[in-house]
Amino acid sequence: MRSVLNADHERFRDQVRRFVEEHIAPFHAQWERAGIVPRELWRAAGECGLLCVMTPEEYGGAGADFGYSAVIIEELARVNASGVGFSLHSDVVAPYLLAYAGEEQKRGWLPRMASGELIGAIAMTEPGVGSDLKEVRTSALRDGGHYCISGQKTFITNGTNCGLVIVVAKTDPDAGREGISLICVEEGTPGFAKGRNLEKIGLHAQDTSELFFTEVRVPIGNRLGEEGKGFKYLMHQLAQERLIVAVRAAASMETMLEATVAYTRERKAFGKPLFELQNTRFKLADARAQSEMFRVFADDCLALHLRGVLTPERAAMAKLVGAEMQNRILDDLLQLHGGYGYMSEYPIGRAWVDARVMRILAGSSEIMREIIARIL
């Protein structure tokens, strides 16, 4: 038993698992071919209380703790539903709005996000500008009671479906990180256009788009928090985003290990099950030992986060180790499947290719090492 989650969390897991098995697992392969998850799924998830669970009840959420979000992340990982962008919407975008938006904006956006009517995204990355956010070139210059936003963003998760996007922009182009602000733009605002749904090597069902802003005018009230404090806000919220990667990695490794053990017990080579070969047992034993060790660390980080004391450095450790270990272990498990592991209809193949980006998103492994090195 995992001590970090209580009986209420586990009862919620039963609810989430039923939803995933009924509404997601049977259709995910179809969504991968289509390159997008239908908006109807979001509304169904909202009706079942699976969106914005940490958002207070007054704004349409459940007022729950991050443990409930972790349950959703784990259950999606259990069926490798990598295209369902609930976590970014609920656990990244919504917290920014809750922490920094004005009251009118909170009441206008958060209930619709909790219901699945409004899908959220955050636009950080630009062509040529990845991890070094202080170099973003998208500008948001004041014009009376409005900001005029111009620029381009890329690799935006939920980009095609989004109805609201938080844009990382320069309100003072000459001030470096002190010139960055966070400004919300709604779908349909003149000058805001969505580009093509990008073709990726993995995460095929997840809509990932380019976004274009051509003199987009939005009210000053769409800014989150204070002008010029956007970089600070981003750094504060990134710990939870990196913990999300770690939680998913732990669940993915456990699920794929279980599936591989079952496969090697059934699959025969040289007249006996693969599991009876020493190399197979040793590989599986290594995977079990390493994934269980990481589960203990990930749960410890989750416990710290539930108490509000998870540091950015520890979150970076969880993200770094989880992403790297997930890629290494899934590669070993795929190898044990032989040629079938390379077939997309086998879960291990899809999980393997989907895991690769975890070493890049939410801060690359190299950036995680830089963050950790600061406390050495």
Protein backbone atom coordinates (compact mmCIF):
# COMPACT_ATOMS: atom_id res chain seq x y z
CA MET A 1 0.00 0.00 0.00
CA ARG A 2 1.16 3.52 -0.81
CA SER A 3 0.91 5.72 2.26
CA VAL A 4 0.85 8.97 0.27
CA LEU A 5 -2.68 8.30 -1.02
CA ASN A 6 -5.62 7.69 1.30
CA ALA A 7 -8.87 5.74 0.98
CA ASP A 8 -10.67 8.70 -0.59
CA HIS A 9 -8.01 8.94 -3.29
CA GLU A 10 -8.42 5.23 -4.03
CA ARG A 11 -12.22 5.48 -4.21
CA PHE A 12 -11.74 8.31 -6.69
CA ARG A 13 -9.38 6.02 -8.62
CA ASP A 14 -12.23 3.57 -9.13
CA GLN A 15 -14.31 6.37 -10.63
CA VAL A 16 -11.48 7.51 -12.89
CA ARG A 17 -10.67 3.97 -14.02
CA ARG A 18 -14.28 3.35 -15.03
CA PHE A 19 -14.30 6.55 -17.07
CA VAL A 20 -10.97 5.74 -18.74
CA GLU A 21 -12.01 2.21 -19.63
CA GLU A 22 -15.37 3.32 -21.02
CA HIS A 23 -14.60 6.64 -22.70
CA ILE A 24 -10.86 6.59 -23.54
CA ALA A 25 -9.17 3.19 -23.88
CA PRO A 26 -11.43 1.82 -26.64
CA PHE A 27 -11.02 4.93 -28.79
CA HIS A 28 -7.46 6.11 -28.25
CA ALA A 29 -6.02 4.31 -31.28
CA GLN A 30 -8.66 5.99 -33.43
CA TRP A 31 -7.69 9.39 -31.99
CA GLU A 32 -4.03 8.66 -32.71
CA ARG A 33 -4.90 8.17 -36.36
CA ALA A 34 -6.95 11.38 -36.35
CA GLY A 35 -4.22 13.32 -34.55
CA ILE A 36 -6.59 14.82 -31.99
CA VAL A 37 -8.90 13.98 -29.09
CA PRO A 38 -12.51 15.09 -29.70
CA ARG A 39 -13.85 17.96 -27.63
CA GLU A 40 -16.78 15.75 -26.63
CA LEU A 41 -14.40 13.78 -24.41
CA TRP A 42 -13.51 16.94 -22.52
CA ARG A 43 -17.16 17.70 -21.82
CA ALA A 44 -17.76 14.11 -20.69
CA ALA A 45 -14.76 14.36 -18.35
CA GLY A 46 -16.12 17.63 -16.98
CA GLU A 47 -19.49 16.04 -16.28
CA CYS A 48 -17.73 13.26 -14.34
CA GLY A 49 -15.67 15.72 -12.28
CA LEU A 50 -12.29 14.79 -13.77
CA LEU A 51 -11.21 18.28 -14.83
CA CYS A 52 -9.71 20.99 -12.60
CA VAL A 53 -10.15 18.87 -9.47
CA MET A 54 -7.85 21.19 -7.49
CA THR A 55 -9.83 24.29 -8.42
CA PRO A 56 -12.05 25.52 -5.54
CA GLU A 57 -15.75 24.71 -5.68
CA GLU A 58 -16.69 28.37 -6.08
CA TYR A 59 -14.99 28.26 -9.50
CA GLY A 60 -16.50 24.95 -10.58
CA GLY A 61 -13.85 22.53 -9.35
CA ALA A 62 -13.80 20.01 -6.51
CA GLY A 63 -11.38 21.84 -4.20
CA ALA A 64 -9.34 18.65 -3.92
CA ASP A 65 -5.61 18.20 -3.37
CA PHE A 66 -2.99 17.21 -5.94
CA GLY A 67 -3.31 13.57 -4.90
CA TYR A 68 -6.54 13.42 -6.90
CA SER A 69 -4.73 14.87 -9.92
CA ALA A 70 -2.03 12.25 -9.47
CA VAL A 71 -4.68 9.52 -9.60
CA ILE A 72 -5.94 10.85 -12.95
CA ILE A 73 -2.38 11.05 -14.31
CA GLU A 74 -1.67 7.47 -13.23
CA GLU A 75 -4.88 6.04 -14.67
CA LEU A 76 -4.26 7.70 -18.04
CA ALA A 77 -0.71 6.33 -17.99
CA ARG A 78 -2.04 2.86 -17.18
CA VAL A 79 -3.70 2.68 -20.62
CA ASN A 80 -1.03 4.87 -22.26
CA ALA A 81 -3.62 7.55 -23.10
CA SER A 82 -0.85 9.94 -24.02
CA GLY A 83 -3.04 12.12 -26.22
CA VAL A 84 -5.41 13.24 -23.49
CA GLY A 85 -4.23 16.68 -22.35
CA PHE A 86 -6.24 16.85 -19.13
CA SER A 87 -3.23 17.38 -16.87
CA LEU A 88 -1.85 20.40 -18.72
CA HIS A 89 -5.33 21.93 -18.71
CA SER A 90 -6.16 21.15 -15.07
CA ASP A 91 -2.81 21.09 -13.29
CA VAL A 92 -0.79 23.67 -15.23
CA VAL A 93 -3.10 26.22 -16.86
CA ALA A 94 -5.85 26.36 -14.20
CA PRO A 95 -3.38 26.96 -11.32
CA TYR A 96 -1.95 29.99 -13.15
CA LEU A 97 -5.44 31.45 -13.47
CA LEU A 98 -6.30 30.66 -9.87
CA ALA A 99 -3.10 32.22 -8.55
CA TYR A 100 -2.81 35.32 -10.73
CA ALA A 101 -6.03 36.13 -12.62
CA GLY A 102 -8.48 38.80 -11.49
CA GLU A 103 -11.77 37.79 -9.92
CA GLU A 104 -13.80 38.55 -13.04
CA GLN A 105 -11.48 36.47 -15.19
CA LYS A 106 -11.51 33.56 -12.73
CA ARG A 107 -15.30 33.45 -12.71
CA GLY A 108 -15.43 33.75 -16.48
CA TRP A 109 -12.84 31.08 -17.31
CA LEU A 110 -12.41 28.52 -14.53
CA PRO A 111 -15.99 27.14 -14.38
CA ARG A 112 -15.96 26.62 -18.14
CA MET A 113 -12.59 24.86 -17.85
CA ALA A 114 -13.96 22.58 -15.12
CA SER A 115 -16.93 21.67 -17.30
CA GLY A 116 -14.76 20.94 -20.36
CA GLU A 117 -16.38 23.71 -22.36
CA LEU A 118 -13.15 25.75 -22.42
CA ILE A 119 -9.82 23.97 -23.03
CA GLY A 120 -6.65 25.61 -21.75
CA ALA A 121 -3.11 25.81 -23.14
CA ILE A 122 0.07 27.71 -22.34
CA ALA A 123 2.32 29.14 -25.06
CA MET A 124 5.97 29.36 -24.04
CA THR A 125 8.15 27.87 -26.79
CA GLU A 126 8.92 29.80 -29.97
CA PRO A 127 10.78 28.82 -33.14
CA GLY A 128 14.42 29.13 -32.10
CA VAL A 129 13.60 29.73 -28.42
CA GLY A 130 13.08 26.70 -26.18
CA SER A 131 14.28 26.41 -22.59
CA ASP A 132 15.77 29.93 -22.38
CA LEU A 133 12.49 31.76 -21.83
CA LYS A 134 14.07 35.15 -21.24
CA GLU A 135 14.83 35.20 -24.97
CA VAL A 136 11.20 35.01 -26.14
CA ARG A 137 10.45 37.47 -28.92
CA THR A 138 6.65 37.60 -28.79
CA SER A 139 5.78 41.14 -27.72
CA ALA A 140 2.79 42.53 -25.83
CA LEU A 141 2.94 46.30 -25.90
CA ARG A 142 0.47 48.59 -24.17
CA ASP A 143 -1.96 50.53 -26.30
CA GLY A 144 -4.35 52.45 -24.09
CA GLY A 145 -6.38 49.92 -22.09
CA HIS A 146 -5.15 47.00 -24.18
CA TYR A 147 -2.08 44.96 -24.99
CA CYS A 148 -1.16 44.48 -28.64
CA ILE A 149 0.41 41.02 -29.01
CA SER A 150 2.56 39.97 -31.97
CA GLY A 151 4.64 36.82 -32.37
CA GLN A 152 4.66 33.09 -33.00
CA LYS A 153 4.61 30.07 -30.70
CA THR A 154 5.22 26.41 -31.48
CA PHE A 155 4.93 22.93 -29.90
CA ILE A 156 1.81 24.04 -28.01
CA THR A 157 -0.03 21.15 -26.33
CA ASN A 158 -3.83 21.44 -26.66
CA GLY A 159 -3.06 24.04 -29.31
CA THR A 160 -5.75 22.99 -31.78
CA ASN A 161 -8.50 22.45 -29.22
CA CYS A 162 -7.69 25.34 -26.92
CA GLY A 163 -10.23 28.06 -26.25
CA LEU A 164 -7.90 29.95 -23.92
CA VAL A 165 -4.13 30.25 -24.08
CA ILE A 166 -1.70 31.84 -21.63
CA VAL A 167 0.89 33.63 -23.76
CA VAL A 168 4.41 34.22 -22.46
CA ALA A 169 5.31 37.60 -23.96
CA LYS A 170 7.64 40.57 -23.53
CA THR A 171 5.88 43.65 -22.21
CA ASP A 172 9.31 45.31 -22.03
CA PRO A 173 11.50 43.91 -24.85
CA ASP A 174 14.67 45.41 -23.36
CA ALA A 175 14.32 44.12 -19.79
CA GLY A 176 15.22 40.44 -20.22
CA ARG A 177 13.42 38.18 -17.77
CA GLU A 178 12.08 41.23 -15.90
CA GLY A 179 10.21 42.18 -19.07
CA ILE A 180 8.17 38.96 -19.32
CA SER A 181 4.44 38.92 -18.58
CA LEU A 182 1.68 36.32 -18.87
CA ILE A 183 -1.35 37.38 -20.89
CA CYS A 184 -4.46 35.35 -21.73
CA VAL A 185 -5.89 35.24 -25.24
CA GLU A 186 -9.24 33.69 -26.07
CA GLU A 187 -10.05 31.73 -29.21
CA GLY A 188 -11.73 33.96 -31.80
CA THR A 189 -9.84 37.11 -30.84
CA PRO A 190 -9.00 38.97 -34.09
CA GLY A 191 -5.39 38.35 -35.13
CA PHE A 192 -5.08 35.08 -33.17
CA ALA A 193 -4.69 32.11 -35.52
CA LYS A 194 -3.91 28.44 -35.03
CA GLY A 195 -1.48 26.78 -37.40
CA ARG A 196 -1.30 23.18 -38.49
CA ASN A 197 -1.51 20.28 -36.12
CA LEU A 198 2.16 19.26 -35.97
CA GLU A 199 3.22 15.75 -36.95
CA LYS A 200 5.24 14.14 -34.14
CA ILE A 201 7.06 10.84 -33.77
CA GLY A 202 4.94 10.10 -30.68
CA LEU A 203 1.95 11.45 -28.73
CA HIS A 204 -0.02 11.11 -31.94
CA ALA A 205 -3.44 11.77 -30.39
CA GLN A 206 -2.28 14.94 -28.66
CA ASP A 207 -3.00 18.09 -30.64
CA THR A 208 0.24 20.06 -30.76
CA SER A 209 0.12 23.24 -32.81
CA GLU A 210 1.74 26.43 -33.91
CA LEU A 211 0.00 29.62 -32.74
CA PHE A 212 0.22 32.99 -34.47
CA PHE A 213 -0.47 36.43 -33.02
CA THR A 214 -0.76 39.36 -35.40
CA GLU A 215 -1.48 42.59 -33.53
CA VAL A 216 -3.88 40.79 -31.22
CA ARG A 217 -5.58 43.28 -28.92
CA VAL A 218 -6.68 42.05 -25.49
CA PRO A 219 -7.74 44.03 -22.40
CA ILE A 220 -5.15 44.85 -19.75
CA GLY A 221 -7.28 42.73 -17.41
CA ASN A 222 -6.23 39.62 -19.33
CA ARG A 223 -2.76 39.91 -17.83
CA LEU A 224 -2.02 37.43 -15.05
CA GLY A 225 -0.56 39.08 -11.98
CA GLU A 226 1.82 42.02 -12.25
CA GLU A 227 3.50 43.23 -15.39
CA GLY A 228 7.07 42.00 -15.66
CA LYS A 229 6.60 39.19 -13.10
CA GLY A 230 5.82 36.46 -15.62
CA PHE A 231 9.21 34.75 -15.39
CA LYS A 232 8.90 34.53 -11.61
CA TYR A 233 5.41 33.06 -11.92
CA LEU A 234 6.62 30.48 -14.44
CA MET A 235 9.44 29.33 -12.18
CA HIS A 236 7.07 29.01 -9.23
CA GLN A 237 4.58 26.82 -11.11
CA LEU A 238 7.09 24.60 -12.94
CA ALA A 239 7.70 22.37 -9.89
CA GLN A 240 4.20 20.90 -10.18
CA GLU A 241 4.56 20.49 -13.94
CA ARG A 242 7.77 18.51 -13.43
CA LEU A 243 6.18 16.38 -10.74
CA ILE A 244 3.45 15.49 -13.26
CA VAL A 245 6.13 14.01 -15.54
CA ALA A 246 7.56 11.99 -12.65
CA VAL A 247 4.16 10.65 -11.56
CA ARG A 248 3.36 9.57 -15.09
CA ALA A 249 6.79 7.95 -15.53
CA ALA A 250 6.35 5.85 -12.39
CA ALA A 251 2.93 4.60 -13.48
CA SER A 252 4.10 3.91 -17.04
CA MET A 253 7.08 1.85 -15.93
CA GLU A 254 4.96 -0.24 -13.56
CA THR A 255 2.25 -0.86 -16.14
CA MET A 256 4.60 -1.80 -18.94
CA LEU A 257 6.62 -4.06 -16.62
CA GLU A 258 3.45 -5.92 -15.64
CA ALA A 259 2.49 -6.33 -19.30
CA THR A 260 5.99 -7.55 -20.22
CA VAL A 261 6.06 -10.14 -17.44
CA ALA A 262 2.74 -11.51 -18.74
CA TYR A 263 4.03 -11.51 -22.33
CA THR A 264 7.28 -13.34 -21.51
CA ARG A 265 5.40 -16.01 -19.57
CA GLU A 266 3.28 -16.78 -22.64
CA ARG A 267 5.77 -16.24 -25.49
CA LYS A 268 7.97 -19.25 -26.21
CA ALA A 269 11.48 -19.41 -27.64
CA PHE A 270 13.78 -22.42 -27.88
CA GLY A 271 10.97 -24.62 -26.59
CA LYS A 272 10.19 -22.77 -23.38
CA PRO A 273 8.69 -19.46 -22.21
CA LEU A 274 10.93 -16.43 -22.54
CA PHE A 275 10.54 -15.88 -18.80
CA GLU A 276 12.54 -19.04 -18.10
CA LEU A 277 15.60 -17.60 -19.84
CA GLN A 278 18.01 -16.09 -17.36
CA ASN A 279 18.57 -12.91 -19.40
CA THR A 280 14.82 -12.25 -19.41
CA ARG A 281 14.45 -12.74 -15.67
CA PHE A 282 17.47 -10.54 -14.95
CA LYS A 283 16.17 -7.73 -17.19
CA LEU A 284 12.76 -7.91 -15.53
CA ALA A 285 14.32 -8.04 -12.07
CA ASP A 286 16.36 -4.92 -12.82
CA ALA A 287 13.26 -3.14 -14.12
CA ARG A 288 11.28 -4.11 -11.01
CA ALA A 289 13.99 -2.97 -8.61
CA GLN A 290 14.59 0.34 -10.37
CA SER A 291 10.92 1.21 -10.94
CA GLU A 292 10.04 0.40 -7.34
CA MET A 293 12.93 2.52 -6.09
CA PHE A 294 11.71 5.41 -8.23
CA ARG A 295 8.13 4.93 -7.06
CA VAL A 296 9.26 5.49 -3.47
CA PHE A 297 11.05 8.70 -4.44
CA ALA A 298 8.18 9.95 -6.61
CA ASP A 299 5.69 9.32 -3.81
CA ASP A 300 7.95 11.14 -1.38
CA CYS A 301 7.98 14.14 -3.74
CA LEU A 302 4.21 13.87 -4.04
CA ALA A 303 3.90 13.88 -0.25
CA LEU A 304 6.11 16.96 -0.03
CA HIS A 305 4.01 18.69 -2.67
CA LEU A 306 0.80 17.87 -0.80
CA ARG A 307 2.34 19.67 2.18
CA GLY A 308 3.41 22.58 -0.01
CA VAL A 309 7.14 22.11 0.55
CA LEU A 310 8.39 20.48 -2.67
CA THR A 311 11.40 22.49 -3.81
CA PRO A 312 12.18 23.27 -7.46
CA GLU A 313 15.43 21.33 -7.14
CA ARG A 314 13.76 18.20 -5.82
CA ALA A 315 11.07 18.44 -8.50
CA ALA A 316 13.87 18.68 -11.06
CA MET A 317 15.44 15.51 -9.61
CA ALA A 318 12.13 13.66 -9.90
CA LYS A 319 11.61 14.83 -13.46
CA LEU A 320 15.19 14.06 -14.53
CA VAL A 321 15.41 10.60 -12.97
CA GLY A 322 11.86 9.66 -13.94
CA ALA A 323 12.18 10.63 -17.58
CA GLU A 324 15.62 9.06 -18.04
CA MET A 325 14.72 5.87 -16.20
CA GLN A 326 11.42 5.53 -18.04
CA ASN A 327 13.16 5.72 -21.41
CA ARG A 328 15.82 3.21 -20.39
CA ILE A 329 13.45 0.67 -18.84
CA LEU A 330 10.86 0.86 -21.61
CA ASP A 331 13.62 0.26 -24.13
CA ASP A 332 14.65 -2.92 -22.29
CA LEU A 333 11.02 -4.08 -22.05
CA LEU A 334 10.46 -3.44 -25.75
CA GLN A 335 13.52 -5.56 -26.53
CA LEU A 336 11.98 -8.47 -24.64
CA HIS A 337 8.99 -8.31 -26.98
CA GLY A 338 11.22 -8.84 -30.00
CA GLY A 339 9.70 -7.79 -33.32
CA TYR A 340 6.26 -7.45 -31.76
CA GLY A 341 7.56 -4.65 -29.58
CA TYR A 342 8.10 -2.60 -32.73
CA MET A 343 4.47 -3.01 -33.78
CA SER A 344 2.26 -0.04 -32.92
CA GLU A 345 -0.64 -2.26 -31.83
CA TYR A 346 1.43 -3.45 -28.86
CA PRO A 347 1.23 -1.05 -25.89
CA ILE A 348 4.97 -1.24 -25.21
CA GLY A 349 5.81 0.19 -28.63
CA ARG A 350 3.49 3.15 -28.22
CA ALA A 351 4.62 3.77 -24.65
CA TRP A 352 8.28 3.66 -25.73
CA VAL A 353 7.94 6.26 -28.47
CA ASP A 354 5.65 8.48 -26.36
CA ALA A 355 8.16 8.47 -23.49
CA ARG A 356 10.96 10.00 -25.55
CA VAL A 357 9.63 13.54 -25.31
CA MET A 358 9.58 13.38 -21.50
CA ARG A 359 13.33 14.04 -21.57
CA ILE A 360 12.57 17.32 -23.38
CA LEU A 361 9.27 18.86 -22.25
CA ALA A 362 8.82 20.79 -18.98
CA GLY A 363 12.54 21.55 -19.16
CA SER A 364 15.03 19.23 -20.83
CA SER A 365 17.17 16.79 -18.87
CA GLU A 366 20.10 19.13 -19.38
CA ILE A 367 18.19 22.01 -17.79
CA MET A 368 17.20 19.74 -14.88
CA ARG A 369 20.88 19.00 -14.28
CA GLU A 370 21.67 22.72 -14.22
CA ILE A 371 18.93 23.32 -11.64
CA ILE A 372 20.13 20.46 -9.45
CA ALA A 373 23.76 21.60 -9.72
CA ARG A 374 22.87 24.91 -8.03
CA ILE A 375 22.51 23.15 -4.66
CA LEU A 376 25.71 21.10 -4.86
